[in-house]
Amino acid sequence: VVRGQDFAPYHYVDKAGRETGFVIDTIQETARRTGIRIRFKQYPWSRCLQMVKSGKADAMMNLFKTAERQTFMHFAENIIAYETNQFFVLKPPVITYDGSFQSIKSHRVGTIRNYIYGEPFDSFAFSHIFRLETELELINALINNRCDIIIGNKLAIRSLVKQMGLTGQITTLSPDVSFEPLYIGFSKANNHEELANRFSEQLRRFKQTAIYRTILKNYPACTP
């Protein structure tokens, strides 16, 4: 199962060097119940997509489901988590955002290459879009005034900002940009449709257990 850069609290390497997080723990236990052994490999996001498309990886985690991705992935229908995306700017905020993308159209907006943020954002014609590879690059671009606004997962960006000691320099704009479900996608190149269906069914059953409720308690910020 391939994954992008650390994305706390969904998936990350802890201080002991252990891969953990709400999605990691959920996938590991669901895989065990499905009767499969898995290992996680970390690569740049765009490379992860290509690896699943070519069959070099069996699955990819933390995905929005889109028509384009469904051409090369079977999606486990059961939702793993939800993601809230927000706009982030430098303090004090001098940009006026009224909830319409038109109000910020002329500003330089930083995104992650090949990420999906929801159809309204993805289809809007911003004047200046910058596509970078990681959330860390996004935050540095904002701090160094290469972007006026960056968009990202509420929990993951806030976690990185805190780690970088930048809490006093970055804030969010309201309202939120999107609230969307996240899935795990299985490679069509590797003929994993049956595996995707089995995994989805076991995930549905797992969500009804005490172990799953314990995982929820361990990551209270995540919305299943």
C-alpha atoms as a PDB file:
ATOM      1  CA  VAL A   1       0.000   0.000   0.000  1.00  0.00           C
ATOM      2  CA  VAL A   2       1.630   3.241  -1.094  1.00  0.00           C
ATOM      3  CA  ARG A   3       1.154   6.552   0.667  1.00  0.00           C
ATOM      4  CA  GLY A   4       2.382  10.101   0.224  1.00  0.00           C
ATOM      5  CA  GLN A   5       4.323  12.177   2.716  1.00  0.00           C
ATOM      6  CA  ASP A   6       3.443  11.935   6.411  1.00  0.00           C
ATOM      7  CA  PHE A   7      -0.062  13.257   6.919  1.00  0.00           C
ATOM      8  CA  ALA A   8      -0.715  13.342  10.653  1.00  0.00           C
ATOM      9  CA  PRO A   9      -3.008  12.267  12.210  1.00  0.00           C
ATOM     10  CA  TYR A  10      -4.041  10.050   9.265  1.00  0.00           C
ATOM     11  CA  HIS A  11      -0.683   8.394   8.558  1.00  0.00           C
ATOM     12  CA  TYR A  12       2.821   9.199   9.794  1.00  0.00           C
ATOM     13  CA  VAL A  13       5.943   7.779  11.434  1.00  0.00           C
ATOM     14  CA  ASP A  14       5.991   8.333  15.192  1.00  0.00           C
ATOM     15  CA  LYS A  15       9.018   9.131  17.385  1.00  0.00           C
ATOM     16  CA  ALA A  16       9.741   5.422  17.790  1.00  0.00           C
ATOM     17  CA  GLY A  17       9.922   4.996  14.001  1.00  0.00           C
ATOM     18  CA  ARG A  18       6.618   3.147  13.824  1.00  0.00           C
ATOM     19  CA  GLU A  19       4.119   3.765  11.028  1.00  0.00           C
ATOM     20  CA  THR A  20       0.893   4.803  12.689  1.00  0.00           C
ATOM     21  CA  GLY A  21      -2.142   7.064  12.375  1.00  0.00           C
ATOM     22  CA  PHE A  22      -5.897   6.723  12.133  1.00  0.00           C
ATOM     23  CA  VAL A  23      -5.885   5.408   8.559  1.00  0.00           C
ATOM     24  CA  ILE A  24      -2.814   3.168   9.043  1.00  0.00           C
ATOM     25  CA  ASP A  25      -4.368   1.529  12.119  1.00  0.00           C
ATOM     26  CA  THR A  26      -7.707   1.111  10.356  1.00  0.00           C
ATOM     27  CA  ILE A  27      -6.181  -0.420   7.220  1.00  0.00           C
ATOM     28  CA  GLN A  28      -3.912  -2.762   9.178  1.00  0.00           C
ATOM     29  CA  GLU A  29      -6.749  -4.217  11.221  1.00  0.00           C
ATOM     30  CA  THR A  30      -9.088  -4.449   8.227  1.00  0.00           C
ATOM     31  CA  ALA A  31      -6.371  -6.226   6.228  1.00  0.00           C
ATOM     32  CA  ARG A  32      -5.869  -8.700   9.050  1.00  0.00           C
ATOM     33  CA  ARG A  33      -9.584  -9.456   9.059  1.00  0.00           C
ATOM     34  CA  THR A  34      -9.530  -9.798   5.276  1.00  0.00           C
ATOM     35  CA  GLY A  35      -6.749 -12.365   5.547  1.00  0.00           C
ATOM     36  CA  ILE A  36      -4.039 -10.421   3.735  1.00  0.00           C
ATOM     37  CA  ARG A  37      -0.607  -9.210   4.776  1.00  0.00           C
ATOM     38  CA  ILE A  38       0.275  -5.649   3.884  1.00  0.00           C
ATOM     39  CA  ARG A  39       3.224  -3.301   4.064  1.00  0.00           C
ATOM     40  CA  PHE A  40       3.281   0.438   3.562  1.00  0.00           C
ATOM     41  CA  LYS A  41       5.691   2.217   1.228  1.00  0.00           C
ATOM     42  CA  GLN A  42       6.118   5.979   1.080  1.00  0.00           C
ATOM     43  CA  TYR A  43       6.709   7.919  -2.148  1.00  0.00           C
ATOM     44  CA  PRO A  44       5.838  11.338  -3.597  1.00  0.00           C
ATOM     45  CA  TRP A  45       2.094  11.604  -4.244  1.00  0.00           C
ATOM     46  CA  SER A  46       2.298  11.716  -8.039  1.00  0.00           C
ATOM     47  CA  ARG A  47       4.569   8.666  -8.074  1.00  0.00           C
ATOM     48  CA  CYS A  48       2.113   6.766  -5.868  1.00  0.00           C
ATOM     49  CA  LEU A  49      -0.634   7.337  -8.409  1.00  0.00           C
ATOM     50  CA  GLN A  50       1.567   6.135 -11.261  1.00  0.00           C
ATOM     51  CA  MET A  51       2.641   3.035  -9.327  1.00  0.00           C
ATOM     52  CA  VAL A  52      -0.964   1.967  -8.768  1.00  0.00           C
ATOM     53  CA  LYS A  53      -1.833   2.745 -12.374  1.00  0.00           C
ATOM     54  CA  SER A  54       1.037   0.612 -13.696  1.00  0.00           C
ATOM     55  CA  GLY A  55       0.565  -2.206 -11.196  1.00  0.00           C
ATOM     56  CA  LYS A  56       3.833  -1.567  -9.342  1.00  0.00           C
ATOM     57  CA  ALA A  57       1.744  -1.003  -6.209  1.00  0.00           C
ATOM     58  CA  ASP A  58      -1.346  -2.912  -5.160  1.00  0.00           C
ATOM     59  CA  ALA A  59      -3.203  -0.083  -3.462  1.00  0.00           C
ATOM     60  CA  MET A  60      -3.033   3.580  -2.440  1.00  0.00           C
ATOM     61  CA  MET A  61      -4.512   5.157   0.647  1.00  0.00           C
ATOM     62  CA  ASN A  62      -6.230   8.437   1.555  1.00  0.00           C
ATOM     63  CA  LEU A  63      -7.831   9.170  -1.792  1.00  0.00           C
ATOM     64  CA  PHE A  64     -10.732  11.178  -3.089  1.00  0.00           C
ATOM     65  CA  LYS A  65     -12.700   8.998  -5.509  1.00  0.00           C
ATOM     66  CA  THR A  66     -12.920  10.569  -8.980  1.00  0.00           C
ATOM     67  CA  ALA A  67     -14.006   9.375 -12.415  1.00  0.00           C
ATOM     68  CA  GLU A  68     -10.416   9.632 -13.683  1.00  0.00           C
ATOM     69  CA  ARG A  69      -8.988   7.594 -10.803  1.00  0.00           C
ATOM     70  CA  GLN A  70     -11.693   4.975 -11.260  1.00  0.00           C
ATOM     71  CA  THR A  71     -10.242   4.231 -14.701  1.00  0.00           C
ATOM     72  CA  PHE A  72      -7.241   2.559 -13.025  1.00  0.00           C
ATOM     73  CA  MET A  73      -8.389   1.816  -9.467  1.00  0.00           C
ATOM     74  CA  HIS A  74     -11.071  -0.270  -7.803  1.00  0.00           C
ATOM     75  CA  PHE A  75     -12.291   1.660  -4.787  1.00  0.00           C
ATOM     76  CA  ALA A  76     -13.286  -0.041  -1.562  1.00  0.00           C
ATOM     77  CA  GLU A  77     -16.746   1.460  -1.199  1.00  0.00           C
ATOM     78  CA  ASN A  78     -16.545   1.832   2.557  1.00  0.00           C
ATOM     79  CA  ILE A  79     -15.196   5.227   3.585  1.00  0.00           C
ATOM     80  CA  ILE A  80     -11.972   5.224   5.618  1.00  0.00           C
ATOM     81  CA  ALA A  81     -12.103   8.826   6.843  1.00  0.00           C
ATOM     82  CA  TYR A  82     -13.216  12.328   5.915  1.00  0.00           C
ATOM     83  CA  GLU A  83     -11.096  15.313   4.980  1.00  0.00           C
ATOM     84  CA  THR A  84     -11.759  19.007   5.539  1.00  0.00           C
ATOM     85  CA  ASN A  85      -9.758  21.364   3.317  1.00  0.00           C
ATOM     86  CA  GLN A  86      -9.126  24.963   4.287  1.00  0.00           C
ATOM     87  CA  PHE A  87      -7.296  28.008   2.988  1.00  0.00           C
ATOM     88  CA  PHE A  88      -4.239  29.097   5.001  1.00  0.00           C
ATOM     89  CA  VAL A  89      -2.647  32.557   4.945  1.00  0.00           C
ATOM     90  CA  LEU A  90      -0.067  34.556   6.869  1.00  0.00           C
ATOM     91  CA  LYS A  91      -1.052  36.467   9.989  1.00  0.00           C
ATOM     92  CA  PRO A  92      -2.544  38.978  10.183  1.00  0.00           C
ATOM     93  CA  PRO A  93      -4.878  38.019   7.324  1.00  0.00           C
ATOM     94  CA  VAL A  94      -5.158  40.814   4.754  1.00  0.00           C
ATOM     95  CA  ILE A  95      -7.057  38.777   2.155  1.00  0.00           C
ATOM     96  CA  THR A  96     -10.837  39.049   1.994  1.00  0.00           C
ATOM     97  CA  TYR A  97     -12.509  35.683   1.422  1.00  0.00           C
ATOM     98  CA  ASP A  98     -16.312  35.605   1.471  1.00  0.00           C
ATOM     99  CA  GLY A  99     -16.696  31.917   0.654  1.00  0.00           C
ATOM    100  CA  SER A 100     -16.639  32.455  -3.104  1.00  0.00           C
ATOM    101  CA  PHE A 101     -13.510  31.602  -5.060  1.00  0.00           C
ATOM    102  CA  GLN A 102     -14.124  34.696  -7.160  1.00  0.00           C
ATOM    103  CA  SER A 103     -13.209  36.825  -4.123  1.00  0.00           C
ATOM    104  CA  ILE A 104      -9.650  35.400  -4.126  1.00  0.00           C
ATOM    105  CA  LYS A 105      -9.260  34.680  -7.849  1.00  0.00           C
ATOM    106  CA  SER A 106      -6.438  37.170  -8.393  1.00  0.00           C
ATOM    107  CA  HIS A 107      -4.264  35.832  -5.535  1.00  0.00           C
ATOM    108  CA  ARG A 108      -1.462  33.267  -5.873  1.00  0.00           C
ATOM    109  CA  VAL A 109      -2.838  29.937  -4.643  1.00  0.00           C
ATOM    110  CA  GLY A 110      -0.595  27.017  -3.716  1.00  0.00           C
ATOM    111  CA  THR A 111      -1.749  23.406  -4.183  1.00  0.00           C
ATOM    112  CA  ILE A 112      -0.276  19.904  -4.291  1.00  0.00           C
ATOM    113  CA  ARG A 113       0.252  18.454  -7.753  1.00  0.00           C
ATOM    114  CA  ASN A 114      -2.341  15.763  -8.612  1.00  0.00           C
ATOM    115  CA  TYR A 115      -4.330  16.347  -5.410  1.00  0.00           C
ATOM    116  CA  ILE A 116      -8.114  16.585  -5.547  1.00  0.00           C
ATOM    117  CA  TYR A 117      -9.767  19.235  -3.363  1.00  0.00           C
ATOM    118  CA  GLY A 118     -13.374  18.817  -4.438  1.00  0.00           C
ATOM    119  CA  GLU A 119     -15.064  19.633  -7.734  1.00  0.00           C
ATOM    120  CA  PRO A 120     -15.908  23.307  -7.023  1.00  0.00           C
ATOM    121  CA  PHE A 121     -12.264  24.174  -6.277  1.00  0.00           C
ATOM    122  CA  ASP A 122     -10.731  21.883  -8.909  1.00  0.00           C
ATOM    123  CA  SER A 123     -12.906  23.304 -11.692  1.00  0.00           C
ATOM    124  CA  PHE A 124     -12.467  26.986 -10.812  1.00  0.00           C
ATOM    125  CA  ALA A 125     -10.178  29.082 -13.037  1.00  0.00           C
ATOM    126  CA  PHE A 126      -7.826  30.789 -10.593  1.00  0.00           C
ATOM    127  CA  SER A 127      -5.481  33.354 -12.135  1.00  0.00           C
ATOM    128  CA  HIS A 128      -2.338  32.050 -10.443  1.00  0.00           C
ATOM    129  CA  ILE A 129      -2.119  28.402  -9.342  1.00  0.00           C
ATOM    130  CA  PHE A 130       1.167  26.984  -8.064  1.00  0.00           C
ATOM    131  CA  ARG A 131       1.518  23.187  -7.888  1.00  0.00           C
ATOM    132  CA  LEU A 132       4.078  21.809  -5.473  1.00  0.00           C
ATOM    133  CA  GLU A 133       4.917  18.277  -4.290  1.00  0.00           C
ATOM    134  CA  THR A 134       4.371  18.305  -0.512  1.00  0.00           C
ATOM    135  CA  GLU A 135       2.575  20.161   2.258  1.00  0.00           C
ATOM    136  CA  LEU A 136       5.980  21.156   3.639  1.00  0.00           C
ATOM    137  CA  GLU A 137       6.773  22.881   0.351  1.00  0.00           C
ATOM    138  CA  LEU A 138       3.385  24.614   0.472  1.00  0.00           C
ATOM    139  CA  ILE A 139       3.998  26.015   3.943  1.00  0.00           C
ATOM    140  CA  ASN A 140       7.482  27.205   2.995  1.00  0.00           C
ATOM    141  CA  ALA A 141       6.087  28.865  -0.135  1.00  0.00           C
ATOM    142  CA  LEU A 142       3.570  30.738   2.010  1.00  0.00           C
ATOM    143  CA  ILE A 143       6.157  31.792   4.587  1.00  0.00           C
ATOM    144  CA  ASN A 144       8.531  32.987   1.862  1.00  0.00           C
ATOM    145  CA  ASN A 145       5.775  34.925   0.066  1.00  0.00           C
ATOM    146  CA  ARG A 146       5.820  32.792  -3.058  1.00  0.00           C
ATOM    147  CA  CYS A 147       2.092  32.160  -2.504  1.00  0.00           C
ATOM    148  CA  ASP A 148      -0.599  34.360  -0.970  1.00  0.00           C
ATOM    149  CA  ILE A 149      -2.837  31.409  -0.029  1.00  0.00           C
ATOM    150  CA  ILE A 150      -2.333  27.678   0.292  1.00  0.00           C
ATOM    151  CA  ILE A 151      -5.015  25.008   0.483  1.00  0.00           C
ATOM    152  CA  GLY A 152      -4.743  21.840   2.505  1.00  0.00           C
ATOM    153  CA  ASN A 153      -6.159  19.321   4.933  1.00  0.00           C
ATOM    154  CA  LYS A 154      -7.126  21.109   8.127  1.00  0.00           C
ATOM    155  CA  LEU A 155      -5.533  18.601  10.506  1.00  0.00           C
ATOM    156  CA  ALA A 156      -2.409  17.807   8.484  1.00  0.00           C
ATOM    157  CA  ILE A 157      -1.454  21.436   7.771  1.00  0.00           C
ATOM    158  CA  ARG A 158      -2.048  22.489  11.363  1.00  0.00           C
ATOM    159  CA  SER A 159       0.096  19.585  12.573  1.00  0.00           C
ATOM    160  CA  LEU A 160       2.958  20.558  10.260  1.00  0.00           C
ATOM    161  CA  VAL A 161       2.667  24.241  11.146  1.00  0.00           C
ATOM    162  CA  LYS A 162       2.959  23.319  14.822  1.00  0.00           C
ATOM    163  CA  GLN A 163       5.970  21.059  14.181  1.00  0.00           C
ATOM    164  CA  MET A 164       7.687  23.871  12.282  1.00  0.00           C
ATOM    165  CA  GLY A 165       7.076  26.354  15.086  1.00  0.00           C
ATOM    166  CA  LEU A 166       4.957  28.595  12.845  1.00  0.00           C
ATOM    167  CA  THR A 167       1.674  28.612  14.746  1.00  0.00           C
ATOM    168  CA  GLY A 168       1.992  32.321  15.435  1.00  0.00           C
ATOM    169  CA  GLN A 169       2.532  33.140  11.762  1.00  0.00           C
ATOM    170  CA  ILE A 170      -0.182  31.200   9.895  1.00  0.00           C
ATOM    171  CA  THR A 171      -3.952  31.229  10.213  1.00  0.00           C
ATOM    172  CA  THR A 172      -6.989  29.991   8.280  1.00  0.00           C
ATOM    173  CA  LEU A 173      -9.706  31.618   6.210  1.00  0.00           C
ATOM    174  CA  SER A 174     -13.366  30.738   6.698  1.00  0.00           C
ATOM    175  CA  PRO A 175     -15.506  29.060   5.517  1.00  0.00           C
ATOM    176  CA  ASP A 176     -13.958  25.662   4.757  1.00  0.00           C
ATOM    177  CA  VAL A 177     -13.304  24.786   1.105  1.00  0.00           C
ATOM    178  CA  SER A 178     -14.519  21.188   1.141  1.00  0.00           C
ATOM    179  CA  PHE A 179     -15.505  18.216   3.284  1.00  0.00           C
ATOM    180  CA  GLU A 180     -15.042  14.946   1.398  1.00  0.00           C
ATOM    181  CA  PRO A 181     -14.705  11.189   2.058  1.00  0.00           C
ATOM    182  CA  LEU A 182     -11.363   9.402   1.740  1.00  0.00           C
ATOM    183  CA  TYR A 183     -10.951   5.894   0.337  1.00  0.00           C
ATOM    184  CA  ILE A 184      -8.353   3.239  -0.379  1.00  0.00           C
ATOM    185  CA  GLY A 185      -7.984   2.410  -4.073  1.00  0.00           C
ATOM    186  CA  PHE A 186      -6.814  -0.944  -5.452  1.00  0.00           C
ATOM    187  CA  SER A 187      -4.899  -1.401  -8.704  1.00  0.00           C
ATOM    188  CA  LYS A 188      -6.924  -2.468 -11.745  1.00  0.00           C
ATOM    189  CA  ALA A 189      -3.646  -3.416 -13.431  1.00  0.00           C
ATOM    190  CA  ASN A 190      -3.278  -6.104 -10.765  1.00  0.00           C
ATOM    191  CA  ASN A 191      -6.895  -7.283 -11.101  1.00  0.00           C
ATOM    192  CA  HIS A 192      -7.804  -6.386  -7.528  1.00  0.00           C
ATOM    193  CA  GLU A 193     -11.559  -5.910  -7.901  1.00  0.00           C
ATOM    194  CA  GLU A 194     -12.362  -8.954  -5.767  1.00  0.00           C
ATOM    195  CA  LEU A 195      -9.840  -7.837  -3.147  1.00  0.00           C
ATOM    196  CA  ALA A 196     -11.367  -4.352  -3.071  1.00  0.00           C
ATOM    197  CA  ASN A 197     -14.813  -5.852  -2.466  1.00  0.00           C
ATOM    198  CA  ARG A 198     -13.564  -8.139   0.301  1.00  0.00           C
ATOM    199  CA  PHE A 199     -11.685  -5.300   1.968  1.00  0.00           C
ATOM    200  CA  SER A 200     -14.718  -3.029   1.790  1.00  0.00           C
ATOM    201  CA  GLU A 201     -16.953  -5.626   3.437  1.00  0.00           C
ATOM    202  CA  GLN A 202     -14.458  -6.281   6.233  1.00  0.00           C
ATOM    203  CA  LEU A 203     -14.057  -2.543   6.805  1.00  0.00           C
ATOM    204  CA  ARG A 204     -17.835  -2.238   7.161  1.00  0.00           C
ATOM    205  CA  ARG A 205     -17.850  -5.001   9.758  1.00  0.00           C
ATOM    206  CA  PHE A 206     -14.780  -3.660  11.550  1.00  0.00           C
ATOM    207  CA  LYS A 207     -16.447  -0.292  12.098  1.00  0.00           C
ATOM    208  CA  GLN A 208     -18.975  -2.025  14.339  1.00  0.00           C
ATOM    209  CA  THR A 209     -16.323  -3.379  16.762  1.00  0.00           C
ATOM    210  CA  ALA A 210     -14.847  -2.237  20.063  1.00  0.00           C
ATOM    211  CA  ILE A 211     -11.367  -2.175  18.503  1.00  0.00           C
ATOM    212  CA  TYR A 212     -12.521   0.413  15.971  1.00  0.00           C
ATOM    213  CA  ARG A 213     -14.074   2.508  18.726  1.00  0.00           C
ATOM    214  CA  THR A 214     -10.699   2.415  20.502  1.00  0.00           C
ATOM    215  CA  ILE A 215      -8.966   3.703  17.362  1.00  0.00           C
ATOM    216  CA  LEU A 216     -11.489   6.551  17.235  1.00  0.00           C
ATOM    217  CA  LYS A 217     -10.619   7.443  20.826  1.00  0.00           C
ATOM    218  CA  ASN A 218      -6.908   7.413  19.986  1.00  0.00           C
ATOM    219  CA  TYR A 219      -7.451   9.928  17.152  1.00  0.00           C
ATOM    220  CA  PRO A 220     -10.386  12.096  18.310  1.00  0.00           C
ATOM    221  CA  ALA A 221      -9.724  14.779  15.688  1.00  0.00           C
ATOM    222  CA  CYS A 222     -10.410  12.381  12.807  1.00  0.00           C
ATOM    223  CA  THR A 223     -13.948  12.111  11.472  1.00  0.00           C
ATOM    224  CA  PRO A 224     -14.808   8.563  10.328  1.00  0.00           C
END
